[in-house]
């Protein structure tokens, strides 16, 4: 059974008490896991699966599809400081959506995973700003080998990835410059 450290990027309901959890992991890339008792009080995963949580996870790989079965989770960092500020929460959400739009599932992404880990840790202790947003976009473009000096990183990412989050410009307009 695979094991890795992961950051929760997205969750979906799965029945009445379960969740589908989308993770960024260093060694296994973007993976999707089913956590059947995630919303059931007293269940194995209750209270341990939320956006931006970082955890050690163990899962059973699916034999037929891309939805793996989550076996265990050991919470490392719930990133609670992100929840104290709506702009921080929005920027963290944008970063995870951008990552999902630019990375192929099940492709090892140790550098990009580490970049997201550092960006979220930095954002926990700082005010959300346009500078942080643009720096993340630039680093992501660099990791993909696309960045060119003098051209906005978001323009480069949009030219290569059609699913860059549509709310990016609206979020940018609400953030202070630096």
N, C-alpha and C. Protein backbone atom coordinates (compact mmCIF):
# COMPACT_ATOMS: atom_id res chain seq x y z
N UNK A 1 0.84 -1.18 0.00
CA UNK A 1 0.00 0.00 0.00
C UNK A 1 0.88 1.24 0.00
N UNK A 2 0.59 2.19 -0.91
CA UNK A 2 1.38 3.42 -0.95
C UNK A 2 1.16 4.29 0.30
N UNK A 3 2.19 5.04 0.64
CA UNK A 3 2.14 5.98 1.76
C UNK A 3 2.89 7.23 1.33
N UNK A 4 2.39 8.41 1.74
CA UNK A 4 3.03 9.66 1.37
C UNK A 4 2.52 10.76 2.28
N UNK A 5 3.14 11.92 2.20
CA UNK A 5 2.64 13.12 2.85
C UNK A 5 1.85 13.89 1.82
N UNK A 6 0.66 14.36 2.19
CA UNK A 6 -0.19 15.05 1.23
C UNK A 6 -0.85 16.29 1.79
N UNK A 7 -1.25 17.17 0.87
CA UNK A 7 -2.01 18.37 1.19
C UNK A 7 -3.35 18.24 0.50
N UNK A 8 -4.43 18.46 1.23
CA UNK A 8 -5.77 18.33 0.65
C UNK A 8 -6.06 19.56 -0.21
N UNK A 9 -6.34 19.30 -1.50
CA UNK A 9 -6.63 20.36 -2.46
C UNK A 9 -8.12 20.59 -2.65
N UNK A 10 -8.90 19.52 -2.52
CA UNK A 10 -10.33 19.60 -2.83
C UNK A 10 -11.03 18.41 -2.20
N UNK A 11 -12.31 18.60 -1.84
CA UNK A 11 -13.13 17.49 -1.36
C UNK A 11 -14.49 17.52 -2.06
N UNK A 12 -15.06 16.34 -2.25
CA UNK A 12 -16.41 16.19 -2.82
C UNK A 12 -17.18 15.24 -1.92
N UNK A 13 -18.52 15.39 -1.85
CA UNK A 13 -19.30 14.42 -1.09
C UNK A 13 -19.29 13.05 -1.78
N UNK A 14 -19.33 12.02 -0.96
CA UNK A 14 -19.43 10.64 -1.44
C UNK A 14 -20.50 9.96 -0.60
N UNK A 15 -21.69 9.90 -1.12
CA UNK A 15 -22.81 9.38 -0.34
C UNK A 15 -23.15 10.34 0.79
N UNK A 16 -23.72 9.80 1.87
CA UNK A 16 -24.15 10.64 2.98
C UNK A 16 -23.05 10.91 4.00
N UNK A 17 -22.10 10.00 4.15
CA UNK A 17 -21.09 10.17 5.19
C UNK A 17 -19.66 10.11 4.66
N UNK A 18 -19.49 10.06 3.36
CA UNK A 18 -18.15 9.93 2.80
C UNK A 18 -17.69 11.16 2.04
N UNK A 19 -16.41 11.17 1.74
CA UNK A 19 -15.80 12.24 0.95
C UNK A 19 -14.86 11.64 -0.08
N UNK A 20 -14.79 12.29 -1.23
CA UNK A 20 -13.71 12.06 -2.17
C UNK A 20 -12.71 13.18 -1.89
N UNK A 21 -11.48 12.82 -1.61
CA UNK A 21 -10.45 13.78 -1.22
C UNK A 21 -9.38 13.80 -2.30
N UNK A 22 -9.09 15.00 -2.81
CA UNK A 22 -8.04 15.18 -3.82
C UNK A 22 -6.81 15.72 -3.11
N UNK A 23 -5.69 15.02 -3.28
CA UNK A 23 -4.45 15.32 -2.57
C UNK A 23 -3.34 15.73 -3.54
N UNK A 24 -2.45 16.58 -3.07
CA UNK A 24 -1.15 16.79 -3.71
C UNK A 24 -0.14 16.03 -2.87
N UNK A 25 0.58 15.10 -3.50
CA UNK A 25 1.62 14.36 -2.79
C UNK A 25 2.93 14.51 -3.56
N UNK A 26 4.02 14.44 -2.87
CA UNK A 26 5.33 14.62 -3.51
C UNK A 26 5.68 13.45 -4.42
N UNK A 27 5.51 12.24 -3.93
CA UNK A 27 5.98 11.07 -4.67
C UNK A 27 4.95 10.45 -5.61
N UNK A 28 3.68 10.76 -5.42
CA UNK A 28 2.63 10.14 -6.24
C UNK A 28 1.81 11.16 -7.02
N UNK A 29 2.11 12.44 -6.87
CA UNK A 29 1.40 13.48 -7.61
C UNK A 29 0.01 13.75 -7.06
N UNK A 30 -0.89 14.11 -7.95
CA UNK A 30 -2.28 14.39 -7.58
C UNK A 30 -3.02 13.05 -7.55
N UNK A 31 -3.58 12.73 -6.40
CA UNK A 31 -4.35 11.48 -6.28
C UNK A 31 -5.73 11.79 -5.70
N UNK A 32 -6.66 10.89 -5.98
CA UNK A 32 -8.02 10.98 -5.44
C UNK A 32 -8.27 9.75 -4.58
N UNK A 33 -8.78 10.00 -3.36
CA UNK A 33 -9.07 8.89 -2.46
C UNK A 33 -10.51 8.98 -1.96
N UNK A 34 -11.08 7.82 -1.69
CA UNK A 34 -12.42 7.74 -1.10
C UNK A 34 -12.27 7.50 0.39
N UNK A 35 -12.91 8.35 1.19
CA UNK A 35 -12.92 8.21 2.65
C UNK A 35 -14.38 8.01 3.05
N UNK A 36 -14.78 6.78 3.24
CA UNK A 36 -16.20 6.44 3.40
C UNK A 36 -16.84 6.97 4.68
N UNK A 37 -16.11 7.13 5.75
CA UNK A 37 -16.72 7.58 7.02
C UNK A 37 -16.25 8.97 7.43
N UNK A 38 -15.85 9.78 6.47
CA UNK A 38 -15.25 11.08 6.78
C UNK A 38 -16.21 12.03 7.49
N UNK A 39 -17.50 11.92 7.21
CA UNK A 39 -18.47 12.85 7.80
C UNK A 39 -19.30 12.21 8.92
N UNK A 40 -19.00 10.97 9.24
CA UNK A 40 -19.75 10.25 10.27
C UNK A 40 -19.10 10.47 11.63
N UNK A 41 -19.84 11.08 12.59
CA UNK A 41 -19.26 11.27 13.92
C UNK A 41 -18.77 9.93 14.48
N UNK A 42 -17.54 9.94 14.96
CA UNK A 42 -16.95 8.72 15.47
C UNK A 42 -16.24 7.89 14.41
N UNK A 43 -16.38 8.29 13.14
CA UNK A 43 -15.71 7.57 12.06
C UNK A 43 -14.20 7.80 12.09
N UNK A 44 -13.47 6.93 11.41
CA UNK A 44 -12.01 7.00 11.42
C UNK A 44 -11.45 8.33 10.94
N UNK A 45 -12.13 8.97 10.00
CA UNK A 45 -11.59 10.19 9.39
C UNK A 45 -12.32 11.46 9.83
N UNK A 46 -13.29 11.32 10.72
CA UNK A 46 -14.10 12.48 11.13
C UNK A 46 -13.21 13.59 11.70
N UNK A 47 -13.32 14.80 11.11
CA UNK A 47 -12.57 15.96 11.58
C UNK A 47 -11.13 16.02 11.12
N UNK A 48 -10.69 15.05 10.31
CA UNK A 48 -9.29 15.02 9.89
C UNK A 48 -9.08 15.32 8.42
N UNK A 49 -10.16 15.62 7.69
CA UNK A 49 -10.06 15.86 6.26
C UNK A 49 -10.73 17.17 5.89
N UNK A 50 -9.95 18.21 5.71
CA UNK A 50 -10.48 19.50 5.30
C UNK A 50 -9.45 20.17 4.41
N UNK A 51 -9.89 21.18 3.68
CA UNK A 51 -9.01 21.87 2.74
C UNK A 51 -7.73 22.35 3.40
N UNK A 52 -6.64 22.15 2.71
CA UNK A 52 -5.29 22.60 3.08
C UNK A 52 -4.67 21.81 4.23
N UNK A 53 -5.39 20.86 4.82
CA UNK A 53 -4.79 20.02 5.86
C UNK A 53 -3.62 19.27 5.24
N UNK A 54 -2.56 19.13 6.01
CA UNK A 54 -1.41 18.33 5.59
C UNK A 54 -1.36 17.10 6.49
N UNK A 55 -1.17 15.94 5.87
CA UNK A 55 -1.23 14.69 6.64
C UNK A 55 -0.38 13.60 5.99
N UNK A 56 -0.02 12.64 6.83
CA UNK A 56 0.56 11.39 6.33
C UNK A 56 -0.64 10.51 5.96
N UNK A 57 -0.64 9.96 4.77
CA UNK A 57 -1.76 9.13 4.37
C UNK A 57 -1.29 7.79 3.82
N UNK A 58 -2.13 6.81 4.02
CA UNK A 58 -1.91 5.46 3.53
C UNK A 58 -3.16 5.07 2.75
N UNK A 59 -2.98 4.56 1.54
CA UNK A 59 -4.15 4.23 0.73
C UNK A 59 -3.91 2.94 -0.05
N UNK A 60 -5.03 2.37 -0.46
CA UNK A 60 -5.00 1.18 -1.31
C UNK A 60 -5.31 1.62 -2.73
N UNK A 61 -4.42 1.31 -3.66
CA UNK A 61 -4.59 1.73 -5.05
C UNK A 61 -5.72 0.95 -5.70
N UNK A 62 -6.57 1.67 -6.42
CA UNK A 62 -7.69 1.05 -7.13
C UNK A 62 -7.16 0.19 -8.28
N UNK A 63 -7.79 -0.95 -8.48
CA UNK A 63 -7.39 -1.83 -9.58
C UNK A 63 -8.06 -1.45 -10.89
N UNK A 64 -9.17 -0.70 -10.82
CA UNK A 64 -9.95 -0.44 -12.03
C UNK A 64 -10.06 1.03 -12.42
N UNK A 65 -9.90 1.96 -11.51
CA UNK A 65 -10.08 3.36 -11.84
C UNK A 65 -9.05 4.23 -11.16
N UNK A 66 -9.38 5.51 -11.04
CA UNK A 66 -8.42 6.44 -10.42
C UNK A 66 -8.84 6.87 -9.01
N UNK A 67 -9.89 6.25 -8.47
CA UNK A 67 -10.34 6.58 -7.12
C UNK A 67 -9.81 5.52 -6.16
N UNK A 68 -8.78 5.88 -5.41
CA UNK A 68 -8.15 4.96 -4.47
C UNK A 68 -8.91 4.95 -3.15
N UNK A 69 -8.63 3.96 -2.31
CA UNK A 69 -9.32 3.81 -1.02
C UNK A 69 -8.40 4.27 0.10
N UNK A 70 -8.81 5.33 0.81
CA UNK A 70 -8.02 5.86 1.91
C UNK A 70 -8.10 4.91 3.10
N UNK A 71 -6.93 4.50 3.60
CA UNK A 71 -6.88 3.56 4.72
C UNK A 71 -6.62 4.25 6.05
N UNK A 72 -5.68 5.21 6.07
CA UNK A 72 -5.40 5.91 7.32
C UNK A 72 -4.84 7.30 7.04
N UNK A 73 -5.05 8.17 8.02
CA UNK A 73 -4.58 9.56 7.94
C UNK A 73 -4.02 9.95 9.30
N UNK A 74 -2.86 10.57 9.28
CA UNK A 74 -2.27 11.11 10.50
C UNK A 74 -2.02 12.60 10.25
N UNK A 75 -2.83 13.43 10.87
CA UNK A 75 -2.78 14.87 10.64
C UNK A 75 -1.45 15.46 11.11
N UNK A 76 -0.79 16.22 10.23
CA UNK A 76 0.46 16.89 10.56
C UNK A 76 0.26 18.38 10.81
N UNK A 77 -0.56 19.03 9.96
CA UNK A 77 -0.77 20.47 10.08
C UNK A 77 -2.14 20.83 9.52
N UNK A 78 -3.06 21.31 10.36
CA UNK A 78 -4.39 21.69 9.86
C UNK A 78 -4.43 23.07 9.21
N UNK A 79 -3.34 23.82 9.29
CA UNK A 79 -3.26 25.16 8.69
C UNK A 79 -4.44 26.04 9.12
N UNK A 80 -4.70 26.07 10.40
CA UNK A 80 -5.84 26.83 10.92
C UNK A 80 -5.69 28.32 10.72
N UNK A 81 -4.47 28.83 10.64
CA UNK A 81 -4.26 30.27 10.46
C UNK A 81 -4.85 30.77 9.15
N UNK A 82 -4.97 29.91 8.15
CA UNK A 82 -5.56 30.33 6.88
C UNK A 82 -7.04 30.65 7.04
N UNK A 83 -7.69 30.06 8.02
CA UNK A 83 -9.13 30.24 8.22
C UNK A 83 -9.47 31.52 8.99
N UNK A 84 -8.47 32.24 9.45
CA UNK A 84 -8.71 33.47 10.20
C UNK A 84 -8.88 34.68 9.29
N UNK A 85 -8.65 34.51 8.01
CA UNK A 85 -8.73 35.63 7.07
C UNK A 85 -9.33 35.14 5.76
N UNK A 86 -10.42 35.77 5.35
CA UNK A 86 -11.07 35.37 4.10
C UNK A 86 -10.14 35.56 2.89
N UNK A 87 -9.40 36.68 2.79
CA UNK A 87 -8.47 36.80 1.66
C UNK A 87 -7.41 35.69 1.63
N UNK A 88 -6.90 35.28 2.79
CA UNK A 88 -5.93 34.18 2.83
C UNK A 88 -6.58 32.89 2.33
N UNK A 89 -7.79 32.65 2.77
CA UNK A 89 -8.51 31.44 2.36
C UNK A 89 -8.75 31.44 0.85
N UNK A 90 -9.13 32.58 0.32
CA UNK A 90 -9.37 32.68 -1.13
C UNK A 90 -8.08 32.48 -1.92
N UNK A 91 -6.98 33.09 -1.46
CA UNK A 91 -5.72 32.95 -2.17
C UNK A 91 -5.21 31.50 -2.09
N UNK A 92 -5.33 30.88 -0.94
CA UNK A 92 -4.93 29.47 -0.82
C UNK A 92 -5.78 28.60 -1.75
N UNK A 93 -7.07 28.88 -1.83
CA UNK A 93 -7.95 28.15 -2.74
C UNK A 93 -7.56 28.34 -4.19
N UNK A 94 -7.19 29.56 -4.54
CA UNK A 94 -6.74 29.84 -5.90
C UNK A 94 -5.47 29.05 -6.22
N UNK A 95 -4.54 29.04 -5.29
CA UNK A 95 -3.28 28.31 -5.51
C UNK A 95 -3.55 26.83 -5.76
N UNK A 96 -4.45 26.24 -5.00
CA UNK A 96 -4.74 24.81 -5.18
C UNK A 96 -5.47 24.56 -6.50
N UNK A 97 -6.39 25.46 -6.87
CA UNK A 97 -7.08 25.31 -8.16
C UNK A 97 -6.11 25.45 -9.32
N UNK A 98 -5.18 26.39 -9.21
CA UNK A 98 -4.18 26.58 -10.27
C UNK A 98 -3.30 25.34 -10.40
N UNK A 99 -2.91 24.79 -9.28
CA UNK A 99 -2.10 23.57 -9.30
C UNK A 99 -2.88 22.44 -9.98
N UNK A 100 -4.15 22.27 -9.63
CA UNK A 100 -4.96 21.22 -10.24
C UNK A 100 -5.12 21.42 -11.74
N UNK A 101 -5.14 22.68 -12.18
CA UNK A 101 -5.32 22.98 -13.60
C UNK A 101 -4.06 22.74 -14.42
N UNK A 102 -2.90 22.66 -13.76
CA UNK A 102 -1.65 22.60 -14.50
C UNK A 102 -0.83 21.32 -14.29
N UNK A 103 -1.32 20.42 -13.47
CA UNK A 103 -0.55 19.20 -13.17
C UNK A 103 -1.38 17.97 -13.54
N UNK A 104 -0.74 17.03 -14.21
CA UNK A 104 -1.40 15.76 -14.57
C UNK A 104 -1.54 14.88 -13.33
N UNK A 105 -2.69 14.22 -13.17
CA UNK A 105 -2.85 13.30 -12.05
C UNK A 105 -1.83 12.16 -12.10
N UNK A 106 -1.45 11.69 -10.90
CA UNK A 106 -0.56 10.54 -10.73
C UNK A 106 0.82 10.72 -11.36
N UNK A 107 1.25 11.97 -11.50
CA UNK A 107 2.59 12.27 -11.97
C UNK A 107 3.39 12.80 -10.79
N UNK A 108 4.49 12.17 -10.42
CA UNK A 108 5.27 12.67 -9.28
C UNK A 108 5.68 14.13 -9.48
N UNK A 109 5.41 14.96 -8.46
CA UNK A 109 5.67 16.40 -8.56
C UNK A 109 6.36 16.90 -7.30
N UNK A 110 7.49 16.34 -6.91
CA UNK A 110 8.08 16.74 -5.62
C UNK A 110 8.36 18.24 -5.52
N UNK A 111 8.86 18.86 -6.58
CA UNK A 111 9.18 20.29 -6.52
C UNK A 111 7.93 21.15 -6.41
N UNK A 112 6.89 20.79 -7.16
CA UNK A 112 5.65 21.57 -7.12
C UNK A 112 4.93 21.35 -5.80
N UNK A 113 4.94 20.13 -5.29
CA UNK A 113 4.34 19.85 -3.99
C UNK A 113 5.04 20.66 -2.89
N UNK A 114 6.36 20.68 -2.91
CA UNK A 114 7.13 21.45 -1.93
C UNK A 114 6.85 22.94 -2.07
N UNK A 115 6.70 23.41 -3.30
CA UNK A 115 6.38 24.82 -3.54
C UNK A 115 5.02 25.17 -2.92
N UNK A 116 4.02 24.31 -3.10
CA UNK A 116 2.71 24.55 -2.50
C UNK A 116 2.81 24.53 -0.98
N UNK A 117 3.53 23.56 -0.43
CA UNK A 117 3.73 23.47 1.02
C UNK A 117 4.31 24.78 1.55
N UNK A 118 5.35 25.27 0.91
CA UNK A 118 6.00 26.52 1.35
C UNK A 118 5.08 27.73 1.18
N UNK A 119 4.34 27.77 0.08
CA UNK A 119 3.44 28.90 -0.17
C UNK A 119 2.35 28.97 0.90
N UNK A 120 1.76 27.83 1.25
CA UNK A 120 0.72 27.82 2.27
C UNK A 120 1.29 28.18 3.64
N UNK A 121 2.48 27.68 3.96
CA UNK A 121 3.12 28.02 5.24
C UNK A 121 3.43 29.52 5.30
N UNK A 122 3.90 30.08 4.21
CA UNK A 122 4.20 31.52 4.15
C UNK A 122 2.91 32.33 4.32
N UNK A 123 1.86 31.91 3.61
CA UNK A 123 0.59 32.62 3.67
C UNK A 123 -0.03 32.58 5.06
N UNK A 124 0.24 31.54 5.81
CA UNK A 124 -0.29 31.45 7.18
C UNK A 124 0.20 32.60 8.06
N UNK A 125 1.39 33.11 7.79
CA UNK A 125 1.99 34.13 8.66
C UNK A 125 2.00 35.52 8.04
N UNK A 126 1.45 35.68 6.85
CA UNK A 126 1.47 36.97 6.15
C UNK A 126 0.07 37.36 5.70
N UNK A 127 -0.07 38.61 5.31
CA UNK A 127 -1.30 39.10 4.70
C UNK A 127 -1.33 38.63 3.24
N UNK A 128 -2.49 38.22 2.76
CA UNK A 128 -2.63 37.82 1.36
C UNK A 128 -2.46 39.06 0.48
N UNK A 129 -1.55 38.98 -0.49
CA UNK A 129 -1.27 40.13 -1.37
C UNK A 129 -1.16 39.67 -2.83
N UNK A 130 -1.21 40.65 -3.73
CA UNK A 130 -1.00 40.37 -5.15
C UNK A 130 0.41 39.82 -5.38
N UNK A 131 1.36 40.33 -4.63
CA UNK A 131 2.75 39.89 -4.78
C UNK A 131 2.87 38.38 -4.51
N UNK A 132 2.21 37.89 -3.47
CA UNK A 132 2.25 36.46 -3.17
C UNK A 132 1.62 35.67 -4.31
N UNK A 133 0.49 36.15 -4.82
CA UNK A 133 -0.19 35.49 -5.93
C UNK A 133 0.72 35.41 -7.15
N UNK A 134 1.31 36.54 -7.52
CA UNK A 134 2.16 36.59 -8.71
C UNK A 134 3.43 35.75 -8.54
N UNK A 135 3.97 35.74 -7.33
CA UNK A 135 5.16 34.93 -7.08
C UNK A 135 4.84 33.44 -7.23
N UNK A 136 3.70 33.02 -6.73
CA UNK A 136 3.30 31.62 -6.87
C UNK A 136 3.12 31.27 -8.35
N UNK A 137 2.47 32.15 -9.11
CA UNK A 137 2.28 31.91 -10.55
C UNK A 137 3.63 31.82 -11.27
N UNK A 138 4.55 32.71 -10.91
CA UNK A 138 5.88 32.70 -11.54
C UNK A 138 6.61 31.40 -11.23
N UNK A 139 6.60 30.99 -9.97
CA UNK A 139 7.29 29.76 -9.59
C UNK A 139 6.68 28.53 -10.27
N UNK A 140 5.35 28.54 -10.41
CA UNK A 140 4.69 27.42 -11.08
C UNK A 140 5.09 27.37 -12.55
N UNK A 141 5.11 28.53 -13.20
CA UNK A 141 5.55 28.59 -14.60
C UNK A 141 7.01 28.15 -14.73
N UNK A 142 7.85 28.53 -13.78
CA UNK A 142 9.25 28.10 -13.79
C UNK A 142 9.36 26.58 -13.64
N UNK A 143 8.58 26.01 -12.73
CA UNK A 143 8.63 24.56 -12.52
C UNK A 143 8.18 23.79 -13.76
N UNK A 144 7.29 24.40 -14.53
CA UNK A 144 6.83 23.77 -15.77
C UNK A 144 7.78 24.07 -16.94
N UNK A 145 8.82 24.88 -16.68
CA UNK A 145 9.79 25.21 -17.72
C UNK A 145 9.28 26.19 -18.76
N UNK A 146 8.32 27.04 -18.39
CA UNK A 146 7.70 27.95 -19.35
C UNK A 146 7.98 29.42 -19.10
N UNK A 147 8.51 29.76 -17.94
CA UNK A 147 8.63 31.17 -17.59
C UNK A 147 9.61 31.90 -18.49
N UNK A 148 9.22 33.12 -18.92
CA UNK A 148 10.08 34.00 -19.70
C UNK A 148 10.09 35.36 -19.03
N UNK A 149 11.27 35.89 -18.80
CA UNK A 149 11.44 37.20 -18.18
C UNK A 149 10.68 38.26 -18.98
N UNK A 150 10.00 39.15 -18.30
CA UNK A 150 9.30 40.26 -18.95
C UNK A 150 7.88 39.94 -19.37
N UNK A 151 7.45 38.70 -19.25
CA UNK A 151 6.08 38.32 -19.60
C UNK A 151 5.38 37.86 -18.33
N UNK A 152 4.16 38.36 -18.06
CA UNK A 152 3.46 37.93 -16.84
C UNK A 152 3.27 36.42 -16.82
N UNK A 153 3.58 35.82 -15.69
CA UNK A 153 3.47 34.36 -15.57
C UNK A 153 2.06 33.88 -15.83
N UNK A 154 1.06 34.65 -15.41
CA UNK A 154 -0.32 34.21 -15.62
C UNK A 154 -0.65 34.14 -17.10
N UNK A 155 -0.10 35.05 -17.91
CA UNK A 155 -0.32 35.00 -19.36
C UNK A 155 0.28 33.73 -19.95
N UNK A 156 1.46 33.36 -19.48
CA UNK A 156 2.11 32.13 -19.95
C UNK A 156 1.28 30.91 -19.56
N UNK A 157 0.84 30.87 -18.30
CA UNK A 157 0.05 29.73 -17.84
C UNK A 157 -1.27 29.63 -18.61
N UNK A 158 -1.91 30.76 -18.84
CA UNK A 158 -3.19 30.75 -19.59
C UNK A 158 -2.99 30.27 -21.02
N UNK A 159 -1.85 30.59 -21.62
CA UNK A 159 -1.62 30.18 -23.01
C UNK A 159 -1.40 28.67 -23.13
N UNK A 160 -1.00 28.02 -22.06
CA UNK A 160 -0.74 26.58 -22.09
C UNK A 160 -1.82 25.74 -21.42
N UNK A 161 -2.54 26.33 -20.48
CA UNK A 161 -3.53 25.58 -19.70
C UNK A 161 -4.88 26.30 -19.77
N UNK A 162 -5.86 25.72 -20.45
CA UNK A 162 -7.14 26.40 -20.64
C UNK A 162 -8.00 26.50 -19.37
N UNK A 163 -7.66 25.74 -18.33
CA UNK A 163 -8.51 25.71 -17.14
C UNK A 163 -7.94 26.49 -15.96
N UNK A 164 -7.15 27.53 -16.25
CA UNK A 164 -6.69 28.42 -15.17
C UNK A 164 -7.95 28.99 -14.51
N UNK A 165 -8.00 29.04 -13.18
CA UNK A 165 -9.22 29.49 -12.49
C UNK A 165 -9.78 30.80 -13.04
N UNK A 166 -11.07 30.78 -13.37
CA UNK A 166 -11.72 31.94 -13.98
C UNK A 166 -11.83 33.12 -13.02
N UNK A 167 -11.83 32.86 -11.72
CA UNK A 167 -11.98 33.94 -10.74
C UNK A 167 -10.65 34.60 -10.38
N UNK A 168 -9.58 34.29 -11.10
CA UNK A 168 -8.26 34.81 -10.79
C UNK A 168 -8.23 36.33 -10.79
N UNK A 169 -8.74 36.97 -11.85
CA UNK A 169 -8.66 38.42 -11.97
C UNK A 169 -9.50 39.13 -10.90
N UNK A 170 -10.66 38.57 -10.58
CA UNK A 170 -11.49 39.16 -9.53
C UNK A 170 -10.78 39.09 -8.18
N UNK A 171 -10.13 37.97 -7.89
CA UNK A 171 -9.36 37.84 -6.66
C UNK A 171 -8.20 38.82 -6.65
N UNK A 172 -7.49 38.91 -7.75
CA UNK A 172 -6.35 39.82 -7.87
C UNK A 172 -6.77 41.25 -7.53
N UNK A 173 -7.93 41.67 -8.03
CA UNK A 173 -8.41 43.04 -7.80
C UNK A 173 -8.74 43.31 -6.34
N UNK A 174 -9.04 42.28 -5.57
CA UNK A 174 -9.40 42.49 -4.15
C UNK A 174 -8.18 42.50 -3.23
N UNK A 175 -7.04 42.05 -3.72
CA UNK A 175 -5.85 41.94 -2.88
C UNK A 175 -5.03 43.23 -2.90
N UNK A 176 -4.40 43.58 -1.77
CA UNK A 176 -3.49 44.73 -1.77
C UNK A 176 -2.22 44.39 -2.55
N UNK A 177 -1.51 45.42 -3.07
CA UNK A 177 -0.33 45.17 -3.91
C UNK A 177 0.78 44.38 -3.21
N UNK A 178 1.16 44.79 -2.00
CA UNK A 178 2.29 44.09 -1.37
C UNK A 178 2.19 44.07 0.13
